[in-house]
Amino acid sequence: MHPTAIVFGCLFLAGVLLDAFQTIILPRRPVGRFRITSLFIVLTWRPWEYLIEHFASRRNRDQLYSFYGPLSLLMLFVVWALLLVTAYMLIYFGLHVPFSDPTHPVTAFEHLRSCFYVSGTTLFTLGLGDVQPATHVARMLIVLESGTGLGFVALVIGYVPVLYTAFSQREIAVALLDARAGSPPAAGELLQRHNFSGGHHALTLLLADWERWCAEILETHISYPILCYYRSQHDNQSWLSALTAVLDTCALLITTIEGPSTRQAQLTFAIGRHALVDLGHVFHLEKNEQRYREAPPVRLHDDEFARLCEMLAGAGFSLCGDVESHERLSAIRKLYEPHACAMADYLHLQLPLWAPPPPDPLRKRDGWTMVASLRTPSALADRLATHVSVRSTASHLHDNESHPL
């Protein structure tokens, strides 16, 4: 017997089973720094980040970052499988389990190779039968490993749909925010686009939906942190920028804007900040968060705040007239901006602006602006004229093709 091999084999087996249980089955935040999943992310994310930042072009970086989430999920399954095979191999080798091997292993290396082959074929339930156990202990271990392999495959099959269902539910709300807050989203744009009759009621309903969205993020992304690496389909959208824009909107409604949406803004702000804080604990970003607390980021300059207030006042919102509104806004921003900035630095995501940039005729308008402009008679007339011109040109070309010279 080789007691050292048995001890390491049992440790590998217990570590993989415990890590898979905490990652897939346990519906709460996993604990412990020395988990296989955490170690795998640490050993793979930093090299991936270094390669992209130093060798990839700026326009391809976001696309390459989007590969990490799905690719790391597949590689994590491979690491679990290799560790399980290695664990049972060490147990077989440590117990000196005899196998009926046609190659007749006589040396320790050949016996170790046979143990690895038996462990691999048993875990993946191949059932080749070319190497057979010769004792009752070996048969019991073969049955145990076969059951472990079936359970491992079943967990993998059930784990992937859960992840992609949570990802799809997250991205639906992010995509819907495009027409309500712009792309990338901005708190000022979100408030400005609710400048219509019944806008406060619609804004309250929107914040209520995002309160539920933040609760879902808190449940899914704490249990499955790998979802944070999954990126949106469009480069100018992300779950972090959407969450930060909603928190910015809530901060304005709580400290600067008067209206009936203040209560719902407080509820949405509380659960949104809770999600950011807990996600920072999952990725151990406490040092970066402390750094941003000591040197707060300047996301909202004084001149931009003045422009934001002027834009909101022009949109019909009632602003708090006291000079302390800016100080209240600065105080509430310190409750969530350090966590958002630390998460943005870690994931290499952009945080949104507070106010939309000034109009630029060279910049392509989004879908909401194009549709909203059709309500004006002049824009509608221009659209109709353009449509008629295109149709007449197409008809003229069709006539020339039908009656060639």
Protein backbone atom coordinates (compact mmCIF):
# COMPACT_ATOMS: atom_id res chain seq x y z
CA MET A 1 0.00 0.00 0.00
CA HIS A 2 0.97 3.63 -0.57
CA PRO A 3 -0.67 5.69 2.19
CA THR A 4 0.43 9.00 0.66
CA ALA A 5 -1.35 8.22 -2.62
CA ILE A 6 -4.51 7.22 -0.73
CA VAL A 7 -4.50 10.46 1.29
CA PHE A 8 -4.01 12.67 -1.76
CA GLY A 9 -6.62 10.71 -3.69
CA CYS A 10 -9.21 11.15 -0.93
CA LEU A 11 -8.36 14.85 -0.62
CA PHE A 12 -8.77 15.39 -4.37
CA LEU A 13 -12.04 13.48 -4.39
CA ALA A 14 -13.49 15.35 -1.40
CA GLY A 15 -12.30 18.70 -2.77
CA VAL A 16 -13.89 18.19 -6.20
CA LEU A 17 -17.19 16.90 -4.80
CA LEU A 18 -17.39 19.72 -2.27
CA ASP A 19 -16.52 22.35 -4.87
CA ALA A 20 -19.07 20.99 -7.35
CA PHE A 21 -21.69 20.92 -4.59
CA GLN A 22 -21.01 24.53 -3.60
CA THR A 23 -20.84 25.74 -7.19
CA ILE A 24 -23.85 23.94 -8.66
CA ILE A 25 -26.20 22.75 -5.93
CA LEU A 26 -25.74 25.06 -2.93
CA PRO A 27 -28.17 28.02 -3.41
CA ARG A 28 -26.08 30.59 -1.54
CA ARG A 29 -22.72 32.29 -1.65
CA PRO A 30 -19.86 29.74 -1.56
CA VAL A 31 -17.43 30.16 1.31
CA GLY A 32 -13.69 29.62 1.50
CA ARG A 33 -10.84 31.12 -0.47
CA PHE A 34 -9.19 27.80 -1.35
CA ARG A 35 -11.95 26.46 -3.56
CA ILE A 36 -11.14 24.85 -6.89
CA THR A 37 -13.47 27.17 -8.81
CA SER A 38 -12.03 30.29 -7.17
CA LEU A 39 -8.48 29.09 -7.76
CA PHE A 40 -9.31 28.29 -11.38
CA ILE A 41 -10.73 31.79 -11.97
CA VAL A 42 -7.71 33.42 -10.33
CA LEU A 43 -5.26 31.39 -12.42
CA THR A 44 -7.09 31.98 -15.72
CA TRP A 45 -8.66 35.46 -15.54
CA ARG A 46 -5.46 37.42 -14.85
CA PRO A 47 -3.46 35.82 -17.71
CA TRP A 48 -6.44 36.26 -20.05
CA GLU A 49 -6.70 39.90 -18.99
CA TYR A 50 -2.96 40.46 -19.48
CA LEU A 51 -2.93 38.97 -22.98
CA ILE A 52 -5.94 41.00 -24.13
CA GLU A 53 -4.69 44.30 -22.70
CA HIS A 54 -1.19 43.95 -24.17
CA PHE A 55 -1.71 42.19 -27.49
CA ALA A 56 -5.29 42.77 -28.65
CA SER A 57 -6.47 45.88 -30.47
CA ARG A 58 -8.93 48.19 -28.73
CA ARG A 59 -11.83 47.31 -31.02
CA ASN A 60 -11.36 43.56 -30.41
CA ARG A 61 -10.89 43.64 -26.65
CA ASP A 62 -14.54 43.52 -25.67
CA GLN A 63 -15.15 40.64 -28.07
CA LEU A 64 -12.25 38.67 -26.59
CA TYR A 65 -13.40 39.40 -23.04
CA SER A 66 -16.80 37.96 -23.95
CA PHE A 67 -15.15 34.61 -24.75
CA TYR A 68 -13.93 34.12 -21.20
CA GLY A 69 -17.27 33.31 -19.55
CA PRO A 70 -18.39 30.41 -21.80
CA LEU A 71 -14.84 29.16 -22.30
CA SER A 72 -14.04 29.12 -18.58
CA LEU A 73 -17.26 27.20 -17.93
CA LEU A 74 -16.17 24.43 -20.31
CA MET A 75 -12.63 24.40 -18.95
CA LEU A 76 -13.95 24.17 -15.38
CA PHE A 77 -15.81 20.98 -16.30
CA VAL A 78 -12.59 19.60 -17.79
CA VAL A 79 -10.64 20.44 -14.62
CA TRP A 80 -13.25 18.73 -12.42
CA ALA A 81 -13.19 15.62 -14.61
CA LEU A 82 -9.38 15.41 -14.61
CA LEU A 83 -9.24 15.81 -10.84
CA LEU A 84 -11.85 13.09 -10.34
CA VAL A 85 -9.96 10.71 -12.61
CA THR A 86 -6.71 11.53 -10.81
CA ALA A 87 -8.34 11.07 -7.39
CA TYR A 88 -9.60 7.56 -8.14
CA MET A 89 -6.34 6.69 -9.87
CA LEU A 90 -4.40 7.56 -6.70
CA ILE A 91 -6.82 5.52 -4.58
CA TYR A 92 -6.44 2.49 -6.87
CA PHE A 93 -2.68 2.87 -6.88
CA GLY A 94 -2.45 3.45 -3.13
CA LEU A 95 -4.52 0.36 -2.31
CA HIS A 96 -2.52 -1.61 -4.88
CA VAL A 97 -5.75 -2.81 -6.44
CA PRO A 98 -5.04 -5.71 -8.82
CA PHE A 99 -6.50 -5.59 -12.32
CA SER A 100 -6.66 -8.28 -14.95
CA ASP A 101 -4.68 -6.34 -17.56
CA PRO A 102 -3.66 -8.02 -20.83
CA THR A 103 -0.46 -5.97 -20.81
CA HIS A 104 0.58 -7.60 -17.48
CA PRO A 105 1.91 -4.54 -15.64
CA VAL A 106 4.93 -5.45 -13.57
CA THR A 107 6.45 -2.07 -12.74
CA ALA A 108 5.01 0.72 -10.60
CA PHE A 109 4.76 3.07 -13.58
CA GLU A 110 2.83 0.55 -15.68
CA HIS A 111 0.53 -0.16 -12.77
CA LEU A 112 -0.07 3.59 -12.32
CA ARG A 113 -0.86 3.90 -16.02
CA SER A 114 -3.35 1.03 -15.79
CA CYS A 115 -5.00 2.68 -12.77
CA PHE A 116 -5.36 5.95 -14.70
CA TYR A 117 -6.87 4.10 -17.69
CA VAL A 118 -9.33 2.22 -15.48
CA SER A 119 -10.29 5.42 -13.65
CA GLY A 120 -10.93 7.31 -16.89
CA THR A 121 -12.99 4.59 -18.55
CA THR A 122 -14.99 4.04 -15.38
CA LEU A 123 -15.76 7.72 -14.68
CA PHE A 124 -17.08 8.26 -18.19
CA THR A 125 -18.90 4.87 -18.04
CA LEU A 126 -17.34 3.53 -21.24
CA GLY A 127 -17.59 -0.09 -20.08
CA LEU A 128 -14.88 -1.45 -22.41
CA GLY A 129 -14.08 -4.43 -20.18
CA ASP A 130 -10.51 -4.90 -21.40
CA VAL A 131 -9.15 -4.25 -17.87
CA GLN A 132 -11.17 -5.93 -15.14
CA PRO A 133 -10.99 -5.72 -11.32
CA ALA A 134 -9.71 -8.87 -9.63
CA THR A 135 -10.89 -8.32 -6.03
CA HIS A 136 -14.08 -7.32 -4.26
CA VAL A 137 -12.54 -4.05 -3.09
CA ALA A 138 -11.67 -3.12 -6.66
CA ARG A 139 -15.20 -3.92 -7.82
CA MET A 140 -16.71 -1.77 -5.10
CA LEU A 141 -14.50 1.13 -6.07
CA ILE A 142 -15.41 0.67 -9.75
CA VAL A 143 -19.10 0.84 -8.90
CA LEU A 144 -18.56 3.90 -6.72
CA GLU A 145 -16.65 5.73 -9.45
CA SER A 146 -19.29 4.81 -12.05
CA GLY A 147 -21.94 6.38 -9.84
CA THR A 148 -19.77 9.46 -9.40
CA GLY A 149 -19.38 9.75 -13.17
CA LEU A 150 -23.13 9.50 -13.80
CA GLY A 151 -23.82 12.11 -11.14
CA PHE A 152 -21.14 14.39 -12.60
CA VAL A 153 -22.60 14.21 -16.10
CA ALA A 154 -26.12 14.81 -14.75
CA LEU A 155 -24.98 17.89 -12.83
CA VAL A 156 -23.24 19.31 -15.89
CA ILE A 157 -26.32 18.75 -18.05
CA GLY A 158 -28.53 20.48 -15.48
CA TYR A 159 -26.07 23.28 -14.71
CA VAL A 160 -25.69 24.75 -18.19
CA PRO A 161 -29.42 25.46 -18.83
CA VAL A 162 -29.73 27.12 -15.43
CA LEU A 163 -26.84 29.44 -16.25
CA TYR A 164 -28.13 30.44 -19.67
CA THR A 165 -31.67 30.92 -18.38
CA ALA A 166 -30.38 33.34 -15.75
CA PHE A 167 -28.23 35.07 -18.39
CA SER A 168 -31.19 35.48 -20.76
CA GLN A 169 -33.42 36.88 -18.03
CA ARG A 170 -30.72 39.37 -17.12
CA GLU A 171 -30.17 40.54 -20.68
CA ILE A 172 -33.88 41.05 -21.43
CA ALA A 173 -34.08 43.91 -18.93
CA VAL A 174 -30.76 45.35 -20.16
CA ALA A 175 -32.05 45.36 -23.75
CA LEU A 176 -35.35 46.96 -22.72
CA LEU A 177 -33.45 49.76 -21.00
CA ASP A 178 -32.02 50.83 -24.37
CA ALA A 179 -35.23 52.59 -25.42
CA ARG A 180 -35.71 54.11 -21.97
CA ALA A 181 -32.22 55.34 -21.07
CA GLY A 182 -30.19 55.29 -24.26
CA SER A 183 -27.27 53.11 -25.22
CA PRO A 184 -25.09 53.31 -23.23
CA PRO A 185 -27.63 54.25 -20.56
CA ALA A 186 -27.56 57.51 -18.62
CA ALA A 187 -29.61 58.64 -15.65
CA GLY A 188 -30.37 62.01 -17.21
CA GLU A 189 -31.54 60.39 -20.42
CA LEU A 190 -33.74 57.96 -18.48
CA LEU A 191 -35.45 60.83 -16.66
CA GLN A 192 -35.71 62.99 -19.74
CA ARG A 193 -37.45 60.25 -21.73
CA HIS A 194 -40.11 60.01 -19.02
CA ASN A 195 -41.14 63.61 -19.61
CA PHE A 196 -44.72 62.94 -20.70
CA SER A 197 -48.18 62.76 -19.21
CA GLY A 198 -48.11 59.93 -16.68
CA GLY A 199 -44.30 59.77 -16.84
CA HIS A 200 -43.87 59.60 -13.06
CA HIS A 201 -46.18 56.59 -12.90
CA ALA A 202 -44.29 54.87 -15.72
CA LEU A 203 -41.00 55.67 -14.00
CA THR A 204 -42.27 54.16 -10.75
CA LEU A 205 -43.26 50.96 -12.56
CA LEU A 206 -39.87 50.83 -14.28
CA LEU A 207 -38.02 51.17 -10.99
CA ALA A 208 -40.23 48.46 -9.48
CA ASP A 209 -39.24 46.13 -12.33
CA TRP A 210 -35.60 46.93 -11.70
CA GLU A 211 -36.03 46.27 -8.01
CA ARG A 212 -37.06 42.73 -8.91
CA TRP A 213 -34.22 42.53 -11.46
CA CYS A 214 -31.68 43.47 -8.77
CA ALA A 215 -33.13 40.81 -6.47
CA GLU A 216 -32.74 38.22 -9.23
CA ILE A 217 -29.15 39.35 -9.82
CA LEU A 218 -28.51 39.02 -6.10
CA GLU A 219 -29.78 35.44 -6.11
CA THR A 220 -28.32 34.16 -9.40
CA HIS A 221 -24.97 35.94 -9.59
CA ILE A 222 -24.09 35.26 -5.97
CA SER A 223 -24.81 31.56 -6.46
CA TYR A 224 -23.21 31.45 -9.93
CA PRO A 225 -20.49 34.16 -10.00
CA ILE A 226 -19.29 33.02 -13.40
CA LEU A 227 -22.33 34.83 -14.87
CA CYS A 228 -20.62 38.15 -14.15
CA TYR A 229 -18.10 37.34 -16.90
CA TYR A 230 -20.87 36.83 -19.47
CA ARG A 231 -21.21 39.99 -21.56
CA SER A 232 -24.09 41.48 -23.48
CA GLN A 233 -24.45 41.01 -27.21
CA HIS A 234 -23.79 44.70 -27.92
CA ASP A 235 -20.57 46.49 -27.00
CA ASN A 236 -22.38 49.57 -25.66
CA GLN A 237 -24.48 47.54 -23.22
CA SER A 238 -23.61 45.68 -20.04
CA TRP A 239 -25.36 44.56 -16.89
CA LEU A 240 -23.04 46.68 -14.74
CA SER A 241 -23.61 49.90 -16.68
CA ALA A 242 -27.38 49.30 -16.62
CA LEU A 243 -27.36 48.68 -12.87
CA THR A 244 -25.20 51.76 -12.26
CA ALA A 245 -27.45 53.94 -14.42
CA VAL A 246 -30.50 52.80 -12.45
CA LEU A 247 -28.69 53.54 -9.16
CA ASP A 248 -27.76 56.98 -10.50
CA THR A 249 -31.41 57.60 -11.35
CA CYS A 250 -32.51 56.52 -7.89
CA ALA A 251 -29.88 58.78 -6.32
CA LEU A 252 -31.24 61.77 -8.26
CA LEU A 253 -34.83 60.97 -7.34
CA ILE A 254 -33.92 60.63 -3.65
CA THR A 255 -31.76 63.75 -3.28
CA THR A 256 -32.47 66.19 -6.12
CA ILE A 257 -35.85 65.63 -7.81
CA GLU A 258 -39.23 66.06 -6.19
CA GLY A 259 -42.00 63.69 -7.19
CA PRO A 260 -44.04 60.59 -6.34
CA SER A 261 -41.30 58.16 -7.44
CA THR A 262 -39.05 58.84 -4.44
CA ARG A 263 -40.31 55.93 -2.34
CA GLN A 264 -39.83 53.37 -5.09
CA ALA A 265 -36.41 54.87 -5.84
CA GLN A 266 -35.39 54.22 -2.23
CA LEU A 267 -36.44 50.58 -2.46
CA THR A 268 -34.68 50.01 -5.78
CA PHE A 269 -31.55 51.78 -4.54
CA ALA A 270 -31.35 49.58 -1.44
CA ILE A 271 -31.52 46.26 -3.29
CA GLY A 272 -29.26 47.48 -6.12
CA ARG A 273 -26.54 48.61 -3.73
CA HIS A 274 -26.91 45.31 -1.83
CA ALA A 275 -26.22 43.39 -5.05
CA LEU A 276 -23.10 45.44 -5.83
CA VAL A 277 -21.69 45.05 -2.31
CA ASP A 278 -22.24 41.28 -2.20
CA LEU A 279 -20.73 40.76 -5.64
CA GLY A 280 -17.67 42.69 -4.52
CA HIS A 281 -17.31 40.29 -1.59
CA VAL A 282 -17.58 37.29 -3.93
CA PHE A 283 -14.65 38.53 -6.06
CA HIS A 284 -12.71 39.81 -3.00
CA LEU A 285 -12.59 43.42 -4.23
CA GLU A 286 -12.44 44.96 -0.76
CA LYS A 287 -9.02 46.56 -1.33
CA ASN A 288 -10.08 48.23 -4.56
CA GLU A 289 -13.29 49.44 -2.96
CA GLN A 290 -11.33 50.94 -0.07
CA ARG A 291 -9.05 52.68 -2.55
CA TYR A 292 -12.03 54.28 -4.27
CA ARG A 293 -13.46 55.34 -0.92
CA GLU A 294 -10.24 57.14 -0.04
CA ALA A 295 -9.98 58.72 -3.51
CA PRO A 296 -13.55 58.86 -4.87
CA PRO A 297 -13.87 58.80 -8.67
CA VAL A 298 -15.04 61.98 -10.36
CA ARG A 299 -17.96 60.72 -12.42
CA LEU A 300 -20.01 63.90 -12.03
CA HIS A 301 -18.22 67.25 -12.30
CA ASP A 302 -19.80 70.46 -11.06
CA ASP A 303 -20.37 71.79 -14.57
CA GLU A 304 -21.92 68.49 -15.65
CA PHE A 305 -24.18 68.54 -12.60
CA ALA A 306 -25.29 72.05 -13.54
CA ARG A 307 -25.98 70.93 -17.10
CA LEU A 308 -27.88 67.91 -15.78
CA CYS A 309 -30.07 70.07 -13.53
CA GLU A 310 -30.72 72.49 -16.38
CA MET A 311 -31.72 69.63 -18.66
CA LEU A 312 -34.04 68.09 -16.06
CA ALA A 313 -35.62 71.44 -15.25
CA GLY A 314 -36.21 72.04 -18.94
CA ALA A 315 -37.82 68.60 -19.18
CA GLY A 316 -40.38 69.61 -16.55
CA PHE A 317 -39.00 67.97 -13.39
CA SER A 318 -39.29 69.80 -10.08
CA LEU A 319 -35.84 70.09 -8.54
CA CYS A 320 -35.00 70.67 -4.91
CA GLY A 321 -34.09 74.33 -4.74
CA ASP A 322 -31.72 74.16 -1.75
CA VAL A 323 -27.95 74.30 -2.16
CA GLU A 324 -27.54 71.11 -0.12
CA SER A 325 -28.98 68.90 -2.88
CA HIS A 326 -25.53 68.53 -4.48
CA GLU A 327 -24.03 67.58 -1.10
CA ARG A 328 -26.77 65.00 -0.52
CA LEU A 329 -26.15 63.58 -3.97
CA SER A 330 -22.40 63.36 -3.28
CA ALA A 331 -23.09 61.59 0.02
CA ILE A 332 -25.38 58.96 -1.49
CA ARG A 333 -22.97 58.36 -4.38
CA LYS A 334 -20.31 57.27 -1.88
CA LEU A 335 -22.57 54.40 -0.87
CA TYR A 336 -22.37 52.60 -4.22
CA GLU A 337 -19.88 54.22 -6.60
CA PRO A 338 -16.74 52.66 -5.00
CA HIS A 339 -18.28 49.20 -5.42
CA ALA A 340 -19.33 49.91 -9.02
CA CYS A 341 -15.90 51.31 -9.94
CA ALA A 342 -14.08 48.36 -8.37
CA MET A 343 -16.28 45.92 -10.27
CA ALA A 344 -15.82 47.87 -13.51
CA ASP A 345 -12.03 47.79 -13.13
CA TYR A 346 -12.03 44.08 -12.41
CA LEU A 347 -14.30 43.10 -15.32
CA HIS A 348 -13.03 45.84 -17.69
CA LEU A 349 -16.49 47.33 -18.21
CA GLN A 350 -17.38 50.97 -18.77
CA LEU A 351 -19.55 52.85 -16.29
CA PRO A 352 -22.24 55.12 -17.76
CA LEU A 353 -22.35 58.90 -17.84
CA TRP A 354 -24.78 60.87 -15.72
CA ALA A 355 -26.00 63.10 -18.52
CA PRO A 356 -26.22 62.18 -22.21
CA PRO A 357 -23.56 63.83 -24.38
CA PRO A 358 -24.54 66.94 -26.33
CA PRO A 359 -26.28 66.31 -29.68
CA ASP A 360 -23.90 65.45 -32.47
CA PRO A 361 -25.21 65.38 -36.07
CA LEU A 362 -22.44 62.96 -37.04
CA ARG A 363 -23.40 60.42 -34.40
CA LYS A 364 -25.93 57.80 -35.40
CA ARG A 365 -29.25 58.17 -33.60
CA ASP A 366 -30.68 55.27 -31.68
CA GLY A 367 -33.97 53.58 -32.52
CA TRP A 368 -36.01 55.41 -29.88
CA THR A 369 -34.93 58.86 -31.13
CA MET A 370 -35.79 57.97 -34.71
CA VAL A 371 -39.24 56.71 -33.74
CA ALA A 372 -39.94 59.65 -31.43
CA SER A 373 -38.99 62.14 -34.13
CA LEU A 374 -41.74 60.78 -36.39
CA ARG A 375 -44.32 62.50 -34.19
CA THR A 376 -43.31 65.91 -35.60
CA PRO A 377 -44.99 66.79 -38.93
CA SER A 378 -41.76 68.00 -40.55
CA ALA A 379 -39.89 64.79 -39.74
CA LEU A 380 -42.80 62.71 -40.96
CA ALA A 381 -42.92 64.67 -44.22
CA ASP A 382 -39.18 64.17 -44.72
CA ARG A 383 -39.58 60.44 -44.12
CA LEU A 384 -42.41 60.19 -46.63
CA ALA A 385 -40.47 62.21 -49.20
CA THR A 386 -37.43 60.00 -48.77
CA HIS A 387 -39.58 56.86 -49.06
CA VAL A 388 -41.28 58.12 -52.23
CA SER A 389 -37.94 59.08 -53.74
CA VAL A 390 -36.50 55.64 -53.07
CA ARG A 391 -39.56 53.91 -54.55
CA SER A 392 -39.51 56.10 -57.68
CA THR A 393 -35.82 55.38 -58.20
CA ALA A 394 -36.40 51.65 -57.83
CA SER A 395 -39.36 51.79 -60.26
CA HIS A 396 -37.26 53.68 -62.80
CA LEU A 397 -34.51 51.09 -62.62
CA HIS A 398 -37.05 48.31 -63.00
CA ASP A 399 -38.49 49.94 -66.13
CA ASN A 400 -35.04 50.27 -67.67
CA GLU A 401 -34.40 46.60 -67.07
CA SER A 402 -37.76 45.60 -68.56
CA HIS A 403 -37.30 47.76 -71.71
CA PRO A 404 -33.61 47.74 -72.61
CA LEU A 405 -32.40 49.87 -75.50
